[in-house]
C-alpha atoms as a PDB file:
ATOM      1  CA  MET A   1      -2.479 120.631   3.268  1.00  0.00           C
ATOM      2  CA  PHE A   2      -5.288 123.170   3.435  1.00  0.00           C
ATOM      3  CA  GLY A   3      -6.069 122.595   7.115  1.00  0.00           C
ATOM      4  CA  ASN A   4      -9.551 121.306   6.349  1.00  0.00           C
ATOM      5  CA  SER A   5     -11.024 118.524   8.441  1.00  0.00           C
ATOM      6  CA  ASN A   6     -14.600 118.758   7.107  1.00  0.00           C
ATOM      7  CA  TYR A   7     -14.819 117.476   3.543  1.00  0.00           C
ATOM      8  CA  SER A   8     -18.610 117.438   3.359  1.00  0.00           C
ATOM      9  CA  PRO A   9     -19.969 119.389   0.388  1.00  0.00           C
ATOM     10  CA  ARG A  10     -23.350 119.973   1.991  1.00  0.00           C
ATOM     11  CA  PRO A  11     -22.673 123.419   3.490  1.00  0.00           C
ATOM     12  CA  PHE A  12     -21.382 124.640   0.130  1.00  0.00           C
ATOM     13  CA  GLY A  13     -24.267 123.550  -2.125  1.00  0.00           C
ATOM     14  CA  VAL A  14     -22.048 121.342  -4.279  1.00  0.00           C
ATOM     15  CA  GLY A  15     -23.486 117.926  -3.632  1.00  0.00           C
ATOM     16  CA  PRO A  16     -26.965 116.730  -2.750  1.00  0.00           C
ATOM     17  CA  ALA A  17     -27.932 118.000   0.702  1.00  0.00           C
ATOM     18  CA  LEU A  18     -29.734 114.913   1.973  1.00  0.00           C
ATOM     19  CA  ASN A  19     -31.485 115.059   5.336  1.00  0.00           C
ATOM     20  CA  GLY A  20     -33.290 111.702   5.530  1.00  0.00           C
ATOM     21  CA  ASN A  21     -36.735 113.076   4.668  1.00  0.00           C
ATOM     22  CA  ALA A  22     -37.801 111.105   1.588  1.00  0.00           C
ATOM     23  CA  LEU A  23     -39.615 113.978  -0.138  1.00  0.00           C
ATOM     24  CA  HIS A  24     -36.758 116.415   0.493  1.00  0.00           C
ATOM     25  CA  ASP A  25     -34.103 113.912  -0.597  1.00  0.00           C
ATOM     26  CA  ILE A  26     -35.898 113.189  -3.899  1.00  0.00           C
ATOM     27  CA  GLY A  27     -35.808 116.901  -4.686  1.00  0.00           C
ATOM     28  CA  ALA A  28     -32.168 117.229  -3.634  1.00  0.00           C
ATOM     29  CA  LEU A  29     -31.121 114.287  -5.786  1.00  0.00           C
ATOM     30  CA  ALA A  30     -32.989 115.735  -8.780  1.00  0.00           C
ATOM     31  CA  HIS A  31     -30.861 118.904  -8.637  1.00  0.00           C
ATOM     32  CA  SER A  32     -28.116 118.792 -11.238  1.00  0.00           C
ATOM     33  CA  GLY A  33     -25.500 120.188  -8.859  1.00  0.00           C
ATOM     34  CA  ALA A  34     -23.036 123.024  -9.208  1.00  0.00           C
ATOM     35  CA  PHE A  35     -20.568 121.331 -11.569  1.00  0.00           C
ATOM     36  CA  LYS A  36     -20.726 121.559 -15.361  1.00  0.00           C
ATOM     37  CA  PRO A  37     -22.375 118.478 -16.952  1.00  0.00           C
ATOM     38  CA  GLN A  38     -19.091 117.008 -18.214  1.00  0.00           C
ATOM     39  CA  PHE A  39     -17.927 116.669 -14.591  1.00  0.00           C
ATOM     40  CA  ARG A  40     -20.971 114.764 -13.342  1.00  0.00           C
ATOM     41  CA  ASP A  41     -20.561 111.126 -12.384  1.00  0.00           C
ATOM     42  CA  SER A  42     -21.144 109.205 -15.637  1.00  0.00           C
ATOM     43  CA  LEU A  43     -22.531 106.106 -13.938  1.00  0.00           C
ATOM     44  CA  ASN A  44     -24.508 107.718 -11.097  1.00  0.00           C
ATOM     45  CA  PRO A  45     -25.435 111.273 -12.176  1.00  0.00           C
ATOM     46  CA  ASN A  46     -26.776 112.228  -8.736  1.00  0.00           C
ATOM     47  CA  GLU A  47     -23.594 111.186  -6.943  1.00  0.00           C
ATOM     48  CA  ASP A  48     -21.741 113.919  -5.093  1.00  0.00           C
ATOM     49  CA  GLN A  49     -18.550 114.842  -6.949  1.00  0.00           C
ATOM     50  CA  SER A  50     -16.921 117.303  -4.583  1.00  0.00           C
ATOM     51  CA  HIS A  51     -15.000 114.621  -2.687  1.00  0.00           C
ATOM     52  CA  HIS A  52     -13.395 113.497  -5.971  1.00  0.00           C
ATOM     53  CA  PHE A  53     -12.372 117.040  -6.765  1.00  0.00           C
ATOM     54  CA  ALA A  54     -10.972 117.611  -3.269  1.00  0.00           C
ATOM     55  CA  ALA A  55      -8.951 114.386  -3.316  1.00  0.00           C
ATOM     56  CA  TYR A  56      -7.360 114.997  -6.715  1.00  0.00           C
ATOM     57  CA  LEU A  57      -6.722 118.650  -5.899  1.00  0.00           C
ATOM     58  CA  GLU A  58      -4.906 117.762  -2.715  1.00  0.00           C
ATOM     59  CA  LEU A  59      -2.888 114.998  -4.405  1.00  0.00           C
ATOM     60  CA  SER A  60      -1.784 117.218  -7.282  1.00  0.00           C
ATOM     61  CA  THR A  61      -0.981 120.138  -4.996  1.00  0.00           C
ATOM     62  CA  MET A  62       1.376 117.875  -3.065  1.00  0.00           C
ATOM     63  CA  THR A  63       2.888 115.876  -5.943  1.00  0.00           C
ATOM     64  CA  GLY A  64       2.199 117.756  -9.174  1.00  0.00           C
ATOM     65  CA  LYS A  65      -0.297 117.245 -11.964  1.00  0.00           C
ATOM     66  CA  THR A  66       0.864 113.912 -13.411  1.00  0.00           C
ATOM     67  CA  ALA A  67       0.287 111.714 -10.356  1.00  0.00           C
ATOM     68  CA  ALA A  68      -3.313 112.902  -9.988  1.00  0.00           C
ATOM     69  CA  GLU A  69      -4.042 112.417 -13.700  1.00  0.00           C
ATOM     70  CA  ILE A  70      -2.702 108.863 -13.545  1.00  0.00           C
ATOM     71  CA  TYR A  71      -4.722 108.086 -10.442  1.00  0.00           C
ATOM     72  CA  ALA A  72      -7.911 109.542 -11.980  1.00  0.00           C
ATOM     73  CA  TRP A  73      -7.518 107.212 -14.942  1.00  0.00           C
ATOM     74  CA  TYR A  74      -6.508 104.263 -12.756  1.00  0.00           C
ATOM     75  CA  SER A  75      -9.403 104.599 -10.347  1.00  0.00           C
ATOM     76  CA  ASP A  76     -12.211 105.540 -12.755  1.00  0.00           C
ATOM     77  CA  GLY A  77     -11.115 105.213 -16.381  1.00  0.00           C
ATOM     78  CA  ARG A  78     -10.051 101.625 -16.919  1.00  0.00           C
ATOM     79  CA  HIS A  79     -13.383  99.818 -17.276  1.00  0.00           C
ATOM     80  CA  ASN A  80     -13.528  98.624 -13.667  1.00  0.00           C
ATOM     81  CA  GLN A  81     -16.746 100.404 -12.635  1.00  0.00           C
ATOM     82  CA  GLY A  82     -20.444  99.635 -12.732  1.00  0.00           C
ATOM     83  CA  PRO A  83     -22.349  96.545 -11.616  1.00  0.00           C
ATOM     84  CA  ASN A  84     -20.404  94.229 -13.933  1.00  0.00           C
ATOM     85  CA  LYS A  85     -17.080  96.064 -13.460  1.00  0.00           C
ATOM     86  CA  ASP A  86     -16.911  96.675 -17.220  1.00  0.00           C
ATOM     87  CA  GLN A  87     -17.569 100.414 -17.458  1.00  0.00           C
ATOM     88  CA  ASP A  88     -15.502 103.514 -16.953  1.00  0.00           C
ATOM     89  CA  ASN A  89     -16.582 106.802 -15.430  1.00  0.00           C
ATOM     90  CA  GLN A  90     -15.467 109.591 -17.731  1.00  0.00           C
ATOM     91  CA  GLY A  91     -17.154 112.271 -15.602  1.00  0.00           C
ATOM     92  CA  ASP A  92     -14.945 111.295 -12.675  1.00  0.00           C
ATOM     93  CA  VAL A  93     -11.869 111.156 -14.905  1.00  0.00           C
ATOM     94  CA  ARG A  94     -12.563 114.607 -16.372  1.00  0.00           C
ATOM     95  CA  LEU A  95     -13.113 116.060 -12.899  1.00  0.00           C
ATOM     96  CA  GLY A  96      -9.918 114.402 -11.660  1.00  0.00           C
ATOM     97  CA  ASP A  97      -8.010 115.868 -14.588  1.00  0.00           C
ATOM     98  CA  ALA A  98      -9.413 119.343 -13.893  1.00  0.00           C
ATOM     99  CA  ALA A  99      -8.475 119.082 -10.224  1.00  0.00           C
ATOM    100  CA  ALA A 100      -5.031 117.835 -11.261  1.00  0.00           C
ATOM    101  CA  GLU A 101      -4.653 120.879 -13.465  1.00  0.00           C
ATOM    102  CA  ILE A 102      -5.395 123.389 -10.727  1.00  0.00           C
ATOM    103  CA  GLY A 103      -3.401 121.450  -8.144  1.00  0.00           C
ATOM    104  CA  GLY A 104      -0.477 121.262 -10.547  1.00  0.00           C
ATOM    105  CA  MET A 105      -0.589 125.025 -10.965  1.00  0.00           C
ATOM    106  CA  LEU A 106      -0.588 125.464  -7.188  1.00  0.00           C
ATOM    107  CA  HIS A 107       2.280 122.991  -6.905  1.00  0.00           C
ATOM    108  CA  ASP A 108       4.270 124.837  -9.572  1.00  0.00           C
ATOM    109  CA  LYS A 109       3.317 128.200  -8.053  1.00  0.00           C
ATOM    110  CA  THR A 110       1.818 129.442 -11.334  1.00  0.00           C
ATOM    111  CA  LEU A 111      -1.529 129.990  -9.585  1.00  0.00           C
ATOM    112  CA  LYS A 112      -1.897 131.806  -6.281  1.00  0.00           C
ATOM    113  CA  PRO A 113      -4.109 130.309  -3.579  1.00  0.00           C
ATOM    114  CA  SER A 114      -6.145 133.526  -3.691  1.00  0.00           C
ATOM    115  CA  GLU A 115      -7.007 132.737  -7.346  1.00  0.00           C
ATOM    116  CA  VAL A 116      -8.317 129.209  -6.709  1.00  0.00           C
ATOM    117  CA  GLY A 117     -11.958 130.172  -6.179  1.00  0.00           C
ATOM    118  CA  ASP A 118     -12.129 132.143  -9.417  1.00  0.00           C
ATOM    119  CA  TRP A 119     -10.465 129.284 -11.348  1.00  0.00           C
ATOM    120  CA  ILE A 120     -12.958 126.754  -9.968  1.00  0.00           C
ATOM    121  CA  ARG A 121     -15.952 128.977 -10.743  1.00  0.00           C
ATOM    122  CA  GLU A 122     -14.710 129.613 -14.269  1.00  0.00           C
ATOM    123  CA  ASN A 123     -13.635 126.082 -15.195  1.00  0.00           C
ATOM    124  CA  ILE A 124     -15.625 123.630 -13.054  1.00  0.00           C
ATOM    125  CA  CYS A 125     -18.897 125.245 -11.990  1.00  0.00           C
ATOM    126  CA  LYS A 126     -21.933 125.927 -14.108  1.00  0.00           C
ATOM    127  CA  PRO A 127     -22.376 129.604 -15.050  1.00  0.00           C
END
C-alpha cells in the first residue's frame, strides 16, 4: 500500500533499538518509547509496538476502520494472551483501534496522506 518494505522501527526511534550489547540493550529496553502510555503493550511493556500500529493502519486503509477494530480485539482483547492464555492486552487493542481510526480516515478520504504524520504525533506519540 505505502510501498514500504522495511517495517523495522529502529531507524525511527519508536521501538527499542537493540544491538546485542547487553549493557546497551538494558538501557534501550528501559526507555519508555515514543508512544503514549495507554498504547504500550500491557503484558510486556518493553515490547516494540510500531509493528502493531503499521499492521492495523495498513489493514484499515485497505478495508476501512471496522475490520481493523475487530481484528485488534480478536488478536489481543479476548483473554488469549499471557503465559496461561487467560489475559488480554488492552495496550495492543487501544493501539489497534487508534491505527484503525487513522486508516479508516485515509480509506474514507477524510484525512490526506500529508496529514498522517501530524495526526500520529498528536494522537499516538508522547508530547
